[in-house]
Amino acid sequence: MKQRTRAAASDAALVELGAEVVRRRQAKGLTQEETAHRANVSLRTLQNLEVGRLNPTYLTLRSIAKGLDVSLGLLVRD
């Protein structure tokens, strides 16, 4: 049971991260395609991140933050 709780918490964190990326992207008036291009990640990667299906690496997060022209800390704030 303990593992299920941990998985649920990490799933919620990934959904929250994805929602933050969407908020930042939309605030800048960018499409997913534009953001993926600017971040040098695949469109599929960005789409999966935005809906919480991807647990991104540090380098992927850093690239997305750079593509959105925001600090990494703004995306992963606690």
Protein backbone atom coordinates (compact mmCIF):
# COMPACT_ATOMS: atom_id res chain seq x y z
CA MET A 1 0.00 0.00 0.00
CA LYS A 2 2.84 2.35 0.75
CA GLN A 3 4.13 2.10 -2.82
CA ARG A 4 0.71 2.97 -4.26
CA THR A 5 0.61 6.15 -2.16
CA ARG A 6 4.08 7.12 -3.35
CA ALA A 7 3.08 6.47 -6.98
CA ALA A 8 -0.08 8.54 -6.60
CA ALA A 9 1.92 11.42 -5.12
CA SER A 10 4.46 11.31 -7.95
CA ASP A 11 1.64 11.11 -10.52
CA ALA A 12 0.07 14.21 -8.99
CA ALA A 13 3.43 15.98 -9.08
CA LEU A 14 3.83 15.17 -12.77
CA VAL A 15 0.34 16.46 -13.54
CA GLU A 16 1.15 19.64 -11.60
CA LEU A 17 4.42 20.07 -13.51
CA GLY A 18 2.62 19.60 -16.80
CA ALA A 19 -0.03 22.13 -15.86
CA GLU A 20 2.68 24.66 -15.00
CA VAL A 21 4.34 24.15 -18.38
CA VAL A 22 0.96 24.68 -20.08
CA ARG A 23 0.32 27.86 -18.06
CA ARG A 24 3.74 29.29 -18.92
CA ARG A 25 3.44 28.31 -22.58
CA GLN A 26 -0.02 29.81 -22.97
CA ALA A 27 0.97 32.98 -21.11
CA LYS A 28 3.63 33.51 -23.78
CA GLY A 29 1.15 32.79 -26.56
CA LEU A 30 3.12 29.80 -27.82
CA THR A 31 1.78 26.65 -29.44
CA GLN A 32 3.05 23.24 -28.44
CA GLU A 33 4.88 23.04 -31.75
CA GLU A 34 6.62 26.39 -31.23
CA THR A 35 7.57 25.47 -27.69
CA ALA A 36 8.92 22.06 -28.67
CA HIS A 37 11.00 23.67 -31.41
CA ARG A 38 12.35 26.38 -29.11
CA ALA A 39 13.15 23.78 -26.44
CA ASN A 40 14.70 21.36 -28.93
CA VAL A 41 12.47 18.50 -27.76
CA SER A 42 10.01 16.44 -29.76
CA LEU A 43 6.40 17.51 -29.91
CA ARG A 44 5.42 14.12 -28.44
CA THR A 45 7.74 14.71 -25.46
CA LEU A 46 6.16 18.08 -24.76
CA GLN A 47 2.64 16.69 -25.15
CA ASN A 48 3.35 13.82 -22.77
CA LEU A 49 4.92 16.18 -20.24
CA GLU A 50 1.98 18.57 -20.36
CA VAL A 51 -0.54 15.83 -19.51
CA GLY A 52 1.59 14.27 -16.77
CA ARG A 53 2.52 11.07 -18.63
CA LEU A 54 6.25 11.84 -18.67
CA ASN A 55 8.73 11.98 -15.82
CA PRO A 56 11.26 14.19 -17.58
CA THR A 57 14.99 14.21 -17.05
CA TYR A 58 16.73 17.24 -15.65
CA LEU A 59 18.10 18.07 -19.10
CA THR A 60 14.64 17.91 -20.67
CA LEU A 61 13.23 20.20 -17.99
CA ARG A 62 16.12 22.60 -18.46
CA SER A 63 15.54 22.66 -22.23
CA ILE A 64 11.83 23.33 -21.80
CA ALA A 65 12.48 26.11 -19.31
CA LYS A 66 14.94 27.66 -21.75
CA GLY A 67 12.43 27.32 -24.59
CA LEU A 68 9.83 29.09 -22.48
CA ASP A 69 12.38 31.70 -21.38
CA VAL A 70 11.74 31.04 -17.70
CA SER A 71 13.94 29.75 -14.92
CA LEU A 72 13.85 26.05 -14.16
CA GLY A 73 12.79 26.93 -10.61
CA LEU A 74 9.55 28.47 -11.88
CA LEU A 75 8.55 25.17 -13.47
CA VAL A 76 9.36 22.95 -10.50
CA ARG A 77 8.46 25.16 -7.57
CA ASP A 78 7.16 23.31 -4.58
